[in-house]
Amino acid sequence: MPARNTVTCGLPSSKVRYSKLASDDDGYIDLQFKRSPPKVPYKAIALATVLFLIGTILIVIGALLLAGYFDIQDHRDRTIPVLIIGILVFLPGFYHLRIAYYASKGYPGYSYDDIPDFDD
């Protein structure tokens, strides 16, 4: 079987110089284990804030309609859906704002990576 003659950077394999690694070198550098600072997802936090505010307003309006504070005789059947939609909009906004707040304060277990971000 013929011997292989590999060429590295234009030099035949017999001309390439090799050197031994240090005995205490395990092949890793400290920099590869450092985490980069987290990227704050501003768009997602803004969307969560909007959802939180719209949900809060709809919950308040739905509760006032249900309590009879606003006198509506023609459309009584629309009070419960306003309350349900308010709750459905409020919950994801509150959830993501809570994660963003705890991540900004540095609580363990919370990170900006937990908030879905929009691809730029």
N, C-alpha and C. Protein backbone atom coordinates (compact mmCIF):
# COMPACT_ATOMS: atom_id res chain seq x y z
N MET A 1 0.85 -1.17 0.00
CA MET A 1 0.00 0.00 0.00
C MET A 1 0.90 1.24 0.00
N PRO A 2 0.65 2.18 -0.91
CA PRO A 2 1.51 3.36 -0.97
C PRO A 2 1.27 4.29 0.21
N ALA A 3 2.31 4.95 0.65
CA ALA A 3 2.22 5.89 1.77
C ALA A 3 1.57 7.18 1.31
N ARG A 4 0.80 7.77 2.18
CA ARG A 4 0.14 9.04 1.86
C ARG A 4 1.14 10.18 1.99
N ASN A 5 1.04 11.10 1.10
CA ASN A 5 1.87 12.29 1.17
C ASN A 5 0.92 13.48 1.27
N THR A 6 0.54 13.85 2.49
CA THR A 6 -0.39 14.96 2.68
C THR A 6 0.38 16.26 2.69
N VAL A 7 -0.22 17.25 2.11
CA VAL A 7 0.42 18.56 2.02
C VAL A 7 -0.34 19.52 2.91
N THR A 8 0.35 20.17 3.84
CA THR A 8 -0.24 21.15 4.74
C THR A 8 0.38 22.50 4.42
N CYS A 9 -0.43 23.42 3.96
CA CYS A 9 0.02 24.78 3.63
C CYS A 9 1.16 24.76 2.62
N GLY A 10 1.14 23.84 1.71
CA GLY A 10 2.16 23.81 0.68
C GLY A 10 3.43 23.08 1.09
N LEU A 11 3.50 22.54 2.30
CA LEU A 11 4.68 21.80 2.75
C LEU A 11 4.36 20.32 2.83
N PRO A 12 5.24 19.48 2.40
CA PRO A 12 5.00 18.05 2.59
C PRO A 12 4.99 17.71 4.07
N SER A 13 4.36 16.61 4.43
CA SER A 13 4.18 16.26 5.84
C SER A 13 5.50 16.03 6.56
N SER A 14 6.55 15.71 5.86
CA SER A 14 7.83 15.49 6.53
C SER A 14 8.49 16.80 6.95
N LYS A 15 8.07 17.93 6.41
CA LYS A 15 8.69 19.22 6.72
C LYS A 15 7.91 20.02 7.77
N VAL A 16 6.76 19.54 8.23
CA VAL A 16 5.95 20.27 9.19
C VAL A 16 6.52 20.05 10.59
N ARG A 17 6.68 21.14 11.33
CA ARG A 17 7.23 21.03 12.69
C ARG A 17 6.08 20.95 13.69
N TYR A 18 6.21 20.05 14.62
CA TYR A 18 5.23 19.87 15.67
C TYR A 18 5.89 20.16 17.01
N SER A 19 5.09 20.57 17.94
CA SER A 19 5.62 20.77 19.29
C SER A 19 4.63 20.17 20.28
N LYS A 20 5.15 19.69 21.37
CA LYS A 20 4.31 19.09 22.40
C LYS A 20 3.59 20.18 23.19
N LEU A 21 2.38 19.85 23.61
CA LEU A 21 1.64 20.77 24.47
C LEU A 21 2.20 20.69 25.88
N ALA A 22 1.99 21.72 26.64
CA ALA A 22 2.42 21.70 28.04
C ALA A 22 1.65 20.62 28.78
N SER A 23 2.28 20.04 29.76
CA SER A 23 1.64 18.93 30.48
C SER A 23 0.46 19.38 31.33
N ASP A 24 0.44 20.65 31.75
CA ASP A 24 -0.68 21.14 32.55
C ASP A 24 -1.80 21.73 31.69
N ASP A 25 -1.64 21.76 30.39
CA ASP A 25 -2.66 22.31 29.48
C ASP A 25 -3.65 21.21 29.14
N ASP A 26 -4.92 21.46 29.44
CA ASP A 26 -5.94 20.46 29.14
C ASP A 26 -6.70 20.80 27.86
N GLY A 27 -6.29 21.83 27.15
CA GLY A 27 -6.92 22.17 25.88
C GLY A 27 -8.06 23.16 25.99
N TYR A 28 -8.36 23.61 27.18
CA TYR A 28 -9.44 24.55 27.39
C TYR A 28 -8.89 25.89 27.84
N ILE A 29 -9.60 26.93 27.49
CA ILE A 29 -9.23 28.25 27.98
C ILE A 29 -10.39 28.78 28.81
N ASP A 30 -10.08 29.65 29.74
CA ASP A 30 -11.11 30.16 30.64
C ASP A 30 -12.17 30.98 29.92
N LEU A 31 -11.79 31.63 28.85
CA LEU A 31 -12.70 32.51 28.14
C LEU A 31 -13.88 31.77 27.54
N GLN A 32 -13.71 30.50 27.18
CA GLN A 32 -14.81 29.78 26.56
C GLN A 32 -15.90 29.41 27.56
N PHE A 33 -15.62 29.48 28.84
CA PHE A 33 -16.61 29.15 29.85
C PHE A 33 -17.30 30.38 30.43
N LYS A 34 -16.87 31.56 30.06
CA LYS A 34 -17.50 32.78 30.55
C LYS A 34 -18.75 33.05 29.72
N ARG A 35 -19.80 33.41 30.40
CA ARG A 35 -21.05 33.73 29.71
C ARG A 35 -21.02 35.18 29.27
N SER A 36 -21.52 35.39 28.07
CA SER A 36 -21.62 36.77 27.60
C SER A 36 -22.79 37.43 28.32
N PRO A 37 -22.77 38.74 28.47
CA PRO A 37 -23.88 39.41 29.15
C PRO A 37 -25.18 39.17 28.37
N PRO A 38 -26.27 38.97 29.09
CA PRO A 38 -27.53 38.63 28.41
C PRO A 38 -28.04 39.79 27.57
N LYS A 39 -28.62 39.45 26.45
CA LYS A 39 -29.23 40.44 25.59
C LYS A 39 -30.66 40.68 26.08
N VAL A 40 -30.98 41.91 26.38
CA VAL A 40 -32.30 42.24 26.90
C VAL A 40 -33.28 42.32 25.74
N PRO A 41 -34.35 41.52 25.77
CA PRO A 41 -35.34 41.54 24.67
C PRO A 41 -36.34 42.69 24.85
N TYR A 42 -35.96 43.87 24.40
CA TYR A 42 -36.79 45.06 24.62
C TYR A 42 -38.14 44.97 23.91
N LYS A 43 -38.17 44.41 22.71
CA LYS A 43 -39.44 44.30 21.98
C LYS A 43 -40.41 43.38 22.71
N ALA A 44 -39.92 42.27 23.20
CA ALA A 44 -40.78 41.32 23.91
C ALA A 44 -41.28 41.92 25.23
N ILE A 45 -40.44 42.68 25.91
CA ILE A 45 -40.87 43.31 27.16
C ILE A 45 -41.89 44.40 26.88
N ALA A 46 -41.72 45.14 25.78
CA ALA A 46 -42.71 46.15 25.40
C ALA A 46 -44.05 45.50 25.06
N LEU A 47 -44.02 44.38 24.34
CA LEU A 47 -45.25 43.66 24.02
C LEU A 47 -45.92 43.12 25.29
N ALA A 48 -45.12 42.61 26.21
CA ALA A 48 -45.68 42.11 27.47
C ALA A 48 -46.31 43.24 28.27
N THR A 49 -45.71 44.41 28.23
CA THR A 49 -46.28 45.57 28.93
C THR A 49 -47.61 45.97 28.31
N VAL A 50 -47.68 45.97 26.98
CA VAL A 50 -48.94 46.31 26.30
C VAL A 50 -50.01 45.28 26.63
N LEU A 51 -49.67 43.99 26.60
CA LEU A 51 -50.64 42.95 26.95
C LEU A 51 -51.11 43.10 28.39
N PHE A 52 -50.18 43.39 29.28
CA PHE A 52 -50.53 43.57 30.69
C PHE A 52 -51.50 44.73 30.87
N LEU A 53 -51.23 45.86 30.22
CA LEU A 53 -52.10 47.04 30.37
C LEU A 53 -53.47 46.82 29.74
N ILE A 54 -53.51 46.25 28.54
CA ILE A 54 -54.81 45.99 27.89
C ILE A 54 -55.61 44.98 28.71
N GLY A 55 -54.95 43.95 29.20
CA GLY A 55 -55.64 42.97 30.03
C GLY A 55 -56.18 43.56 31.32
N THR A 56 -55.40 44.43 31.94
CA THR A 56 -55.86 45.09 33.17
C THR A 56 -57.08 45.95 32.90
N ILE A 57 -57.04 46.70 31.81
CA ILE A 57 -58.18 47.56 31.48
C ILE A 57 -59.42 46.73 31.19
N LEU A 58 -59.26 45.64 30.43
CA LEU A 58 -60.42 44.79 30.13
C LEU A 58 -60.96 44.10 31.38
N ILE A 59 -60.09 43.70 32.29
CA ILE A 59 -60.57 43.08 33.53
C ILE A 59 -61.35 44.08 34.37
N VAL A 60 -60.85 45.30 34.46
CA VAL A 60 -61.54 46.33 35.25
C VAL A 60 -62.90 46.65 34.61
N ILE A 61 -62.92 46.82 33.30
CA ILE A 61 -64.19 47.11 32.62
C ILE A 61 -65.16 45.94 32.77
N GLY A 62 -64.66 44.72 32.60
CA GLY A 62 -65.52 43.54 32.76
C GLY A 62 -66.07 43.41 34.16
N ALA A 63 -65.23 43.69 35.16
CA ALA A 63 -65.70 43.61 36.54
C ALA A 63 -66.74 44.69 36.84
N LEU A 64 -66.52 45.89 36.31
CA LEU A 64 -67.51 46.96 36.52
C LEU A 64 -68.82 46.66 35.79
N LEU A 65 -68.73 46.08 34.61
CA LEU A 65 -69.94 45.69 33.89
C LEU A 65 -70.68 44.58 34.63
N LEU A 66 -69.94 43.63 35.16
CA LEU A 66 -70.55 42.52 35.89
C LEU A 66 -71.18 42.99 37.19
N ALA A 67 -70.56 43.97 37.84
CA ALA A 67 -71.10 44.47 39.10
C ALA A 67 -72.29 45.40 38.89
N GLY A 68 -72.51 45.83 37.66
CA GLY A 68 -73.65 46.70 37.39
C GLY A 68 -73.33 48.17 37.56
N TYR A 69 -72.06 48.51 37.62
CA TYR A 69 -71.70 49.91 37.76
C TYR A 69 -72.08 50.71 36.52
N PHE A 70 -71.88 50.11 35.35
CA PHE A 70 -72.35 50.71 34.10
C PHE A 70 -73.72 50.14 33.80
N ASP A 71 -74.65 50.99 33.51
CA ASP A 71 -76.03 50.55 33.26
C ASP A 71 -76.20 50.23 31.78
N ILE A 72 -76.12 48.96 31.46
CA ILE A 72 -76.37 48.52 30.08
C ILE A 72 -77.50 47.51 30.11
N GLN A 73 -78.54 47.78 29.43
CA GLN A 73 -79.70 46.89 29.41
C GLN A 73 -79.72 46.03 28.15
N ASP A 74 -79.17 46.55 27.06
CA ASP A 74 -79.30 45.86 25.78
C ASP A 74 -78.30 44.73 25.61
N HIS A 75 -77.12 44.86 26.17
CA HIS A 75 -76.05 43.91 25.89
C HIS A 75 -75.47 43.31 27.17
N ARG A 76 -76.29 42.73 28.01
CA ARG A 76 -75.83 42.12 29.25
C ARG A 76 -74.99 40.87 28.99
N ASP A 77 -75.19 40.24 27.84
CA ASP A 77 -74.48 39.00 27.56
C ASP A 77 -73.02 39.24 27.18
N ARG A 78 -72.59 40.46 27.05
CA ARG A 78 -71.21 40.77 26.65
C ARG A 78 -70.29 41.05 27.84
N THR A 79 -70.78 40.97 29.03
CA THR A 79 -69.93 41.28 30.19
C THR A 79 -68.93 40.16 30.48
N ILE A 80 -69.40 38.92 30.45
CA ILE A 80 -68.51 37.78 30.74
C ILE A 80 -67.41 37.64 29.69
N PRO A 81 -67.70 37.74 28.37
CA PRO A 81 -66.59 37.65 27.40
C PRO A 81 -65.54 38.75 27.56
N VAL A 82 -65.94 39.95 27.95
CA VAL A 82 -64.95 41.01 28.18
C VAL A 82 -64.03 40.63 29.33
N LEU A 83 -64.59 40.05 30.36
CA LEU A 83 -63.80 39.62 31.51
C LEU A 83 -62.87 38.46 31.13
N ILE A 84 -63.35 37.51 30.37
CA ILE A 84 -62.54 36.36 29.96
C ILE A 84 -61.41 36.80 29.03
N ILE A 85 -61.69 37.66 28.06
CA ILE A 85 -60.65 38.15 27.16
C ILE A 85 -59.62 38.96 27.95
N GLY A 86 -60.07 39.73 28.92
CA GLY A 86 -59.14 40.48 29.76
C GLY A 86 -58.20 39.56 30.52
N ILE A 87 -58.72 38.47 31.05
CA ILE A 87 -57.88 37.52 31.78
C ILE A 87 -56.89 36.84 30.83
N LEU A 88 -57.36 36.46 29.64
CA LEU A 88 -56.49 35.79 28.67
C LEU A 88 -55.39 36.70 28.14
N VAL A 89 -55.61 37.98 28.09
CA VAL A 89 -54.59 38.93 27.64
C VAL A 89 -53.67 39.31 28.79
N PHE A 90 -54.21 39.38 30.00
CA PHE A 90 -53.45 39.79 31.17
C PHE A 90 -52.39 38.76 31.57
N LEU A 91 -52.74 37.48 31.53
CA LEU A 91 -51.85 36.44 32.06
C LEU A 91 -50.50 36.35 31.35
N PRO A 92 -50.42 36.28 30.01
CA PRO A 92 -49.08 36.23 29.42
C PRO A 92 -48.28 37.51 29.63
N GLY A 93 -48.95 38.65 29.64
CA GLY A 93 -48.24 39.90 29.90
C GLY A 93 -47.66 39.93 31.29
N PHE A 94 -48.44 39.53 32.27
CA PHE A 94 -47.95 39.49 33.65
C PHE A 94 -46.81 38.50 33.81
N TYR A 95 -46.94 37.33 33.19
CA TYR A 95 -45.93 36.28 33.31
C TYR A 95 -44.58 36.76 32.78
N HIS A 96 -44.57 37.35 31.60
CA HIS A 96 -43.31 37.77 31.00
C HIS A 96 -42.75 39.02 31.69
N LEU A 97 -43.60 39.90 32.17
CA LEU A 97 -43.09 41.05 32.94
C LEU A 97 -42.45 40.60 34.25
N ARG A 98 -43.02 39.59 34.87
CA ARG A 98 -42.46 39.07 36.11
C ARG A 98 -41.09 38.45 35.86
N ILE A 99 -40.95 37.70 34.78
CA ILE A 99 -39.65 37.11 34.45
C ILE A 99 -38.63 38.23 34.16
N ALA A 100 -39.06 39.25 33.40
CA ALA A 100 -38.15 40.35 33.08
C ALA A 100 -37.71 41.09 34.34
N TYR A 101 -38.64 41.30 35.27
CA TYR A 101 -38.30 42.00 36.51
C TYR A 101 -37.30 41.19 37.33
N TYR A 102 -37.60 39.90 37.52
CA TYR A 102 -36.70 39.07 38.32
C TYR A 102 -35.34 38.90 37.66
N ALA A 103 -35.31 38.83 36.33
CA ALA A 103 -34.03 38.72 35.62
C ALA A 103 -33.23 40.01 35.77
N SER A 104 -33.91 41.15 35.75
CA SER A 104 -33.18 42.42 35.90
C SER A 104 -32.63 42.59 37.31
N LYS A 105 -33.30 42.02 38.29
CA LYS A 105 -32.82 42.11 39.67
C LYS A 105 -31.79 41.03 40.00
N GLY A 106 -31.62 40.05 39.10
CA GLY A 106 -30.60 39.03 39.29
C GLY A 106 -30.99 37.88 40.18
N TYR A 107 -32.27 37.60 40.33
CA TYR A 107 -32.70 36.47 41.14
C TYR A 107 -32.24 35.17 40.48
N PRO A 108 -31.80 34.18 41.27
CA PRO A 108 -31.34 32.92 40.68
C PRO A 108 -32.51 32.18 40.02
N GLY A 109 -32.24 31.61 38.87
CA GLY A 109 -33.25 30.86 38.15
C GLY A 109 -34.02 31.67 37.13
N TYR A 110 -33.79 32.97 37.07
CA TYR A 110 -34.48 33.83 36.11
C TYR A 110 -33.46 34.44 35.17
N SER A 111 -33.78 34.40 33.89
CA SER A 111 -32.87 34.93 32.88
C SER A 111 -33.68 35.52 31.75
N TYR A 112 -33.08 36.44 31.03
CA TYR A 112 -33.74 37.01 29.86
C TYR A 112 -33.91 35.97 28.75
N ASP A 113 -33.16 34.88 28.85
CA ASP A 113 -33.30 33.81 27.86
C ASP A 113 -34.65 33.12 27.96
N ASP A 114 -35.34 33.26 29.10
CA ASP A 114 -36.66 32.64 29.28
C ASP A 114 -37.77 33.40 28.56
N ILE A 115 -37.48 34.61 28.12
CA ILE A 115 -38.47 35.42 27.42
C ILE A 115 -38.28 35.23 25.92
N PRO A 116 -39.31 34.81 25.20
CA PRO A 116 -39.14 34.66 23.75
C PRO A 116 -38.89 36.02 23.11
N ASP A 117 -37.94 36.04 22.17
CA ASP A 117 -37.56 37.29 21.52
C ASP A 117 -37.88 37.22 20.05
N PHE A 118 -38.11 38.38 19.45
CA PHE A 118 -38.36 38.45 18.03
C PHE A 118 -37.04 38.47 17.29
N ASP A 119 -36.96 37.74 16.19
CA ASP A 119 -35.74 37.76 15.39
C ASP A 119 -35.65 39.07 14.65
N ASP A 120 -34.53 39.72 14.76
CA ASP A 120 -34.35 41.03 14.12
C ASP A 120 -34.09 40.91 12.65
